[in-house]
Amino acid sequence: MSSVKLKQVYLTANDPGRLAEFYEGLGLKVRFADPGKWIQFVSDAAAFCVAGPTESVSDQLQDAVLVFDVDDLEAAMERAAAMGAQVGAVRDMASHGRAVKVRDPGGNVIQFYQAAG
């Protein structure tokens, strides 16, 4: 059996440059850009997960949700809101940490997560 590994996840936007500016504003670094077509960000290894409806912040069962690890949840929320995102209420998951659902300026649902401790 051949192996399979996740290479990347991407969002589709009518104006990729504008949406990329939002993610740059959150602190992500651009690795490669083909203006108006494709912007790739630098990323450390990430997990690929499948969530049930009670754990997902997705509006539809077929949507992907990008989850960003943050050091300061409130600061990330403020920064995202200042750049035009819709920020939801914080979900406290006790010893697991805290998370918040965010809708980016392109309408995509993402989530910020801050580990406990």
N, C-alpha and C. Protein backbone atom coordinates (compact mmCIF):
# COMPACT_ATOMS: atom_id res chain seq x y z
N MET A 1 0.84 -1.18 0.00
CA MET A 1 0.00 0.00 0.00
C MET A 1 0.89 1.25 0.00
N SER A 2 0.61 2.18 -0.87
CA SER A 2 1.39 3.42 -0.92
C SER A 2 0.94 4.36 0.20
N SER A 3 1.84 5.23 0.62
CA SER A 3 1.52 6.16 1.70
C SER A 3 0.88 7.43 1.15
N VAL A 4 0.12 8.08 1.99
CA VAL A 4 -0.54 9.34 1.66
C VAL A 4 -0.23 10.31 2.78
N LYS A 5 0.14 11.55 2.43
CA LYS A 5 0.33 12.56 3.46
C LYS A 5 -0.32 13.85 2.99
N LEU A 6 -0.86 14.57 3.93
CA LEU A 6 -1.51 15.84 3.64
C LEU A 6 -0.45 16.86 3.26
N LYS A 7 -0.59 17.46 2.10
CA LYS A 7 0.38 18.44 1.64
C LYS A 7 -0.04 19.85 2.01
N GLN A 8 -1.32 20.20 1.80
CA GLN A 8 -1.77 21.55 2.08
C GLN A 8 -3.29 21.60 2.12
N VAL A 9 -3.77 22.66 2.68
CA VAL A 9 -5.20 22.98 2.69
C VAL A 9 -5.29 24.41 2.18
N TYR A 10 -6.26 24.71 1.34
CA TYR A 10 -6.38 26.08 0.85
C TYR A 10 -7.83 26.54 0.83
N LEU A 11 -7.98 27.85 0.91
CA LEU A 11 -9.27 28.50 0.80
C LEU A 11 -9.38 29.09 -0.60
N THR A 12 -10.59 29.16 -1.13
CA THR A 12 -10.83 29.77 -2.43
C THR A 12 -11.46 31.14 -2.20
N ALA A 13 -10.96 32.15 -2.89
CA ALA A 13 -11.46 33.51 -2.72
C ALA A 13 -11.51 34.22 -4.06
N ASN A 14 -12.51 35.07 -4.25
CA ASN A 14 -12.58 35.88 -5.46
C ASN A 14 -11.41 36.84 -5.55
N ASP A 15 -10.93 37.31 -4.42
CA ASP A 15 -9.78 38.22 -4.37
C ASP A 15 -8.74 37.61 -3.42
N PRO A 16 -7.92 36.68 -3.90
CA PRO A 16 -6.97 36.00 -3.02
C PRO A 16 -6.00 36.94 -2.31
N GLY A 17 -5.58 37.99 -2.98
CA GLY A 17 -4.65 38.93 -2.36
C GLY A 17 -5.24 39.62 -1.16
N ARG A 18 -6.48 40.01 -1.27
CA ARG A 18 -7.16 40.69 -0.15
C ARG A 18 -7.32 39.75 1.04
N LEU A 19 -7.74 38.52 0.77
CA LEU A 19 -7.90 37.57 1.86
C LEU A 19 -6.55 37.22 2.47
N ALA A 20 -5.52 37.11 1.64
CA ALA A 20 -4.17 36.83 2.15
C ALA A 20 -3.70 37.94 3.08
N GLU A 21 -4.07 39.19 2.79
CA GLU A 21 -3.70 40.31 3.67
C GLU A 21 -4.26 40.10 5.08
N PHE A 22 -5.47 39.55 5.18
CA PHE A 22 -6.06 39.26 6.49
C PHE A 22 -5.17 38.27 7.24
N TYR A 23 -4.79 37.18 6.60
CA TYR A 23 -3.98 36.17 7.27
C TYR A 23 -2.56 36.66 7.56
N GLU A 24 -2.01 37.50 6.70
CA GLU A 24 -0.73 38.14 7.01
C GLU A 24 -0.87 39.02 8.24
N GLY A 25 -1.98 39.73 8.33
CA GLY A 25 -2.24 40.59 9.48
C GLY A 25 -2.36 39.82 10.78
N LEU A 26 -2.73 38.54 10.70
CA LEU A 26 -2.78 37.70 11.89
C LEU A 26 -1.39 37.24 12.30
N GLY A 27 -0.42 37.40 11.41
CA GLY A 27 0.96 37.03 11.74
C GLY A 27 1.54 35.91 10.91
N LEU A 28 0.79 35.37 9.94
CA LEU A 28 1.34 34.33 9.08
C LEU A 28 2.32 34.95 8.08
N LYS A 29 3.34 34.20 7.71
CA LYS A 29 4.36 34.66 6.78
C LYS A 29 4.14 34.03 5.41
N VAL A 30 4.27 34.82 4.36
CA VAL A 30 4.11 34.32 2.99
C VAL A 30 5.37 33.57 2.57
N ARG A 31 5.18 32.38 2.03
CA ARG A 31 6.28 31.58 1.48
C ARG A 31 6.42 31.83 0.00
N PHE A 32 5.28 31.91 -0.71
CA PHE A 32 5.28 32.07 -2.16
C PHE A 32 3.99 32.79 -2.56
N ALA A 33 4.09 33.65 -3.56
CA ALA A 33 2.89 34.33 -4.05
C ALA A 33 2.94 34.47 -5.57
N ASP A 34 1.85 34.12 -6.21
CA ASP A 34 1.60 34.37 -7.62
C ASP A 34 0.42 35.33 -7.61
N PRO A 35 0.68 36.64 -7.62
CA PRO A 35 -0.36 37.65 -7.38
C PRO A 35 -1.67 37.39 -8.14
N GLY A 36 -2.76 37.46 -7.37
CA GLY A 36 -4.08 37.28 -7.93
C GLY A 36 -4.49 35.83 -8.13
N LYS A 37 -3.54 34.89 -7.88
CA LYS A 37 -3.83 33.48 -8.13
C LYS A 37 -3.63 32.58 -6.92
N TRP A 38 -2.50 32.74 -6.24
CA TRP A 38 -2.13 31.77 -5.21
C TRP A 38 -1.18 32.41 -4.23
N ILE A 39 -1.46 32.30 -2.96
CA ILE A 39 -0.56 32.77 -1.91
C ILE A 39 -0.39 31.62 -0.94
N GLN A 40 0.84 31.19 -0.76
CA GLN A 40 1.13 30.09 0.15
C GLN A 40 1.84 30.64 1.37
N PHE A 41 1.40 30.21 2.55
CA PHE A 41 2.00 30.66 3.80
C PHE A 41 2.93 29.59 4.37
N VAL A 42 3.91 30.04 5.12
CA VAL A 42 4.80 29.14 5.85
C VAL A 42 3.98 28.48 6.95
N SER A 43 4.19 27.18 7.14
CA SER A 43 3.43 26.48 8.16
C SER A 43 4.26 25.37 8.78
N ASP A 44 4.15 25.20 10.07
CA ASP A 44 4.74 24.05 10.74
C ASP A 44 3.81 22.86 10.48
N ALA A 45 4.26 21.70 10.86
CA ALA A 45 3.42 20.51 10.71
C ALA A 45 2.09 20.72 11.44
N ALA A 46 1.02 20.29 10.81
CA ALA A 46 -0.31 20.43 11.40
C ALA A 46 -1.02 19.09 11.36
N ALA A 47 -1.99 18.92 12.22
CA ALA A 47 -2.77 17.68 12.26
C ALA A 47 -3.96 17.78 11.31
N PHE A 48 -4.34 16.67 10.74
CA PHE A 48 -5.56 16.56 9.96
C PHE A 48 -6.55 15.80 10.83
N CYS A 49 -7.75 16.36 11.00
CA CYS A 49 -8.73 15.78 11.91
C CYS A 49 -10.09 15.67 11.24
N VAL A 50 -10.93 14.82 11.80
CA VAL A 50 -12.34 14.73 11.42
C VAL A 50 -13.13 14.91 12.69
N ALA A 51 -14.08 15.87 12.70
CA ALA A 51 -14.84 16.21 13.91
C ALA A 51 -16.32 15.93 13.72
N GLY A 52 -16.97 15.55 14.80
CA GLY A 52 -18.43 15.42 14.80
C GLY A 52 -19.08 16.78 14.93
N PRO A 53 -20.36 16.87 14.62
CA PRO A 53 -21.06 18.16 14.66
C PRO A 53 -20.98 18.89 15.99
N THR A 54 -20.90 18.17 17.10
CA THR A 54 -20.85 18.85 18.41
C THR A 54 -19.49 19.47 18.69
N GLU A 55 -18.44 19.05 18.00
CA GLU A 55 -17.11 19.59 18.20
C GLU A 55 -16.73 20.62 17.14
N SER A 56 -17.44 20.64 16.03
CA SER A 56 -17.08 21.50 14.90
C SER A 56 -17.73 22.87 15.00
N VAL A 57 -17.04 23.89 14.50
CA VAL A 57 -17.61 25.23 14.40
C VAL A 57 -18.09 25.50 12.97
N SER A 58 -18.01 24.49 12.11
CA SER A 58 -18.43 24.61 10.72
C SER A 58 -19.94 24.84 10.63
N ASP A 59 -20.35 25.63 9.65
CA ASP A 59 -21.77 25.87 9.42
C ASP A 59 -22.41 24.74 8.62
N GLN A 60 -21.61 24.01 7.89
CA GLN A 60 -22.11 22.89 7.10
C GLN A 60 -21.19 21.71 7.33
N LEU A 61 -21.74 20.52 7.23
CA LEU A 61 -20.93 19.34 7.52
C LEU A 61 -19.79 19.12 6.52
N GLN A 62 -19.85 19.74 5.35
CA GLN A 62 -18.79 19.52 4.37
C GLN A 62 -17.70 20.59 4.39
N ASP A 63 -17.81 21.61 5.22
CA ASP A 63 -16.81 22.67 5.28
C ASP A 63 -15.56 22.23 6.05
N ALA A 64 -14.42 22.70 5.61
CA ALA A 64 -13.18 22.51 6.36
C ALA A 64 -13.03 23.70 7.30
N VAL A 65 -12.45 23.50 8.46
CA VAL A 65 -12.21 24.58 9.42
C VAL A 65 -10.71 24.62 9.70
N LEU A 66 -10.09 25.77 9.47
CA LEU A 66 -8.68 25.95 9.79
C LEU A 66 -8.60 26.39 11.25
N VAL A 67 -7.77 25.73 12.03
CA VAL A 67 -7.61 26.06 13.44
C VAL A 67 -6.19 26.60 13.63
N PHE A 68 -6.11 27.80 14.21
CA PHE A 68 -4.83 28.45 14.43
C PHE A 68 -4.51 28.48 15.92
N ASP A 69 -3.33 27.95 16.28
CA ASP A 69 -2.82 28.01 17.64
C ASP A 69 -2.38 29.44 17.91
N VAL A 70 -2.85 30.04 19.00
CA VAL A 70 -2.45 31.41 19.35
C VAL A 70 -1.95 31.44 20.79
N ASP A 71 -1.05 32.37 21.06
CA ASP A 71 -0.53 32.53 22.43
C ASP A 71 -1.46 33.38 23.28
N ASP A 72 -2.17 34.32 22.66
CA ASP A 72 -3.04 35.25 23.37
C ASP A 72 -4.37 35.33 22.62
N LEU A 73 -5.36 34.59 23.11
CA LEU A 73 -6.64 34.49 22.42
C LEU A 73 -7.31 35.85 22.25
N GLU A 74 -7.32 36.64 23.30
CA GLU A 74 -7.98 37.94 23.22
C GLU A 74 -7.31 38.85 22.20
N ALA A 75 -5.99 38.86 22.17
CA ALA A 75 -5.26 39.69 21.21
C ALA A 75 -5.56 39.23 19.78
N ALA A 76 -5.60 37.93 19.55
CA ALA A 76 -5.92 37.41 18.21
C ALA A 76 -7.34 37.79 17.80
N MET A 77 -8.26 37.73 18.75
CA MET A 77 -9.65 38.10 18.46
C MET A 77 -9.75 39.58 18.09
N GLU A 78 -9.08 40.42 18.87
CA GLU A 78 -9.09 41.86 18.60
C GLU A 78 -8.47 42.19 17.25
N ARG A 79 -7.34 41.56 16.94
CA ARG A 79 -6.66 41.79 15.67
C ARG A 79 -7.56 41.36 14.51
N ALA A 80 -8.18 40.20 14.62
CA ALA A 80 -9.05 39.70 13.55
C ALA A 80 -10.25 40.62 13.35
N ALA A 81 -10.87 41.04 14.44
CA ALA A 81 -12.03 41.94 14.34
C ALA A 81 -11.65 43.26 13.71
N ALA A 82 -10.48 43.79 14.06
CA ALA A 82 -10.02 45.06 13.50
C ALA A 82 -9.79 44.96 11.99
N MET A 83 -9.55 43.74 11.50
CA MET A 83 -9.31 43.54 10.08
C MET A 83 -10.57 43.05 9.35
N GLY A 84 -11.72 43.15 10.01
CA GLY A 84 -12.99 42.86 9.34
C GLY A 84 -13.57 41.49 9.57
N ALA A 85 -13.01 40.69 10.46
CA ALA A 85 -13.56 39.37 10.75
C ALA A 85 -14.71 39.48 11.76
N GLN A 86 -15.61 38.51 11.71
CA GLN A 86 -16.67 38.39 12.71
C GLN A 86 -16.19 37.38 13.74
N VAL A 87 -16.14 37.80 14.98
CA VAL A 87 -15.59 36.98 16.05
C VAL A 87 -16.71 36.55 16.99
N GLY A 88 -16.77 35.26 17.26
CA GLY A 88 -17.80 34.72 18.14
C GLY A 88 -17.41 34.75 19.61
N ALA A 89 -18.14 34.01 20.40
CA ALA A 89 -17.90 33.93 21.84
C ALA A 89 -16.85 32.85 22.13
N VAL A 90 -16.07 33.08 23.17
CA VAL A 90 -15.03 32.14 23.58
C VAL A 90 -15.68 30.89 24.19
N ARG A 91 -15.18 29.74 23.79
CA ARG A 91 -15.60 28.46 24.36
C ARG A 91 -14.49 27.98 25.29
N ASP A 92 -14.80 27.87 26.57
CA ASP A 92 -13.83 27.41 27.56
C ASP A 92 -13.92 25.89 27.65
N MET A 93 -12.82 25.22 27.37
CA MET A 93 -12.78 23.75 27.40
C MET A 93 -11.94 23.26 28.58
N ALA A 94 -11.97 24.01 29.67
CA ALA A 94 -11.29 23.67 30.92
C ALA A 94 -9.81 23.36 30.69
N SER A 95 -9.36 22.18 31.04
CA SER A 95 -7.94 21.85 30.97
C SER A 95 -7.43 21.71 29.53
N HIS A 96 -8.33 21.67 28.56
CA HIS A 96 -7.90 21.60 27.16
C HIS A 96 -7.50 22.97 26.62
N GLY A 97 -8.13 24.02 27.11
CA GLY A 97 -7.84 25.36 26.62
C GLY A 97 -9.11 26.11 26.25
N ARG A 98 -8.96 27.13 25.42
CA ARG A 98 -10.09 27.95 24.99
C ARG A 98 -10.05 28.12 23.47
N ALA A 99 -11.23 28.26 22.88
CA ALA A 99 -11.31 28.42 21.43
C ALA A 99 -12.40 29.41 21.08
N VAL A 100 -12.30 29.97 19.87
CA VAL A 100 -13.33 30.91 19.41
C VAL A 100 -13.52 30.72 17.91
N LYS A 101 -14.76 30.75 17.49
CA LYS A 101 -15.12 30.68 16.07
C LYS A 101 -14.99 32.08 15.47
N VAL A 102 -14.35 32.15 14.31
CA VAL A 102 -14.13 33.41 13.61
C VAL A 102 -14.55 33.22 12.16
N ARG A 103 -15.21 34.22 11.60
CA ARG A 103 -15.52 34.20 10.16
C ARG A 103 -14.62 35.26 9.53
N ASP A 104 -13.70 34.81 8.66
CA ASP A 104 -12.76 35.74 8.05
C ASP A 104 -13.47 36.67 7.07
N PRO A 105 -12.80 37.71 6.56
CA PRO A 105 -13.46 38.65 5.66
C PRO A 105 -14.01 38.02 4.38
N GLY A 106 -13.53 36.83 4.02
CA GLY A 106 -14.05 36.12 2.86
C GLY A 106 -15.24 35.23 3.17
N GLY A 107 -15.63 35.19 4.46
CA GLY A 107 -16.77 34.37 4.87
C GLY A 107 -16.41 32.97 5.32
N ASN A 108 -15.13 32.61 5.33
CA ASN A 108 -14.70 31.28 5.75
C ASN A 108 -14.71 31.18 7.27
N VAL A 109 -15.14 30.03 7.77
CA VAL A 109 -15.12 29.79 9.22
C VAL A 109 -13.75 29.22 9.60
N ILE A 110 -13.09 29.89 10.54
CA ILE A 110 -11.83 29.43 11.10
C ILE A 110 -11.97 29.42 12.61
N GLN A 111 -10.96 28.97 13.30
CA GLN A 111 -11.01 28.94 14.75
C GLN A 111 -9.64 29.28 15.31
N PHE A 112 -9.63 30.05 16.40
CA PHE A 112 -8.41 30.31 17.15
C PHE A 112 -8.47 29.42 18.39
N TYR A 113 -7.32 28.87 18.76
CA TYR A 113 -7.24 28.00 19.92
C TYR A 113 -6.04 28.41 20.77
N GLN A 114 -6.27 28.54 22.08
CA GLN A 114 -5.20 28.81 23.03
C GLN A 114 -5.18 27.68 24.05
N ALA A 115 -4.06 27.01 24.15
CA ALA A 115 -3.93 25.90 25.10
C ALA A 115 -4.01 26.41 26.53
N ALA A 116 -4.48 25.58 27.41
CA ALA A 116 -4.56 25.93 28.84
C ALA A 116 -3.16 25.97 29.42
N GLY A 117 -3.02 26.81 30.44
CA GLY A 117 -1.77 26.83 31.18
C GLY A 117 -0.85 27.83 30.69
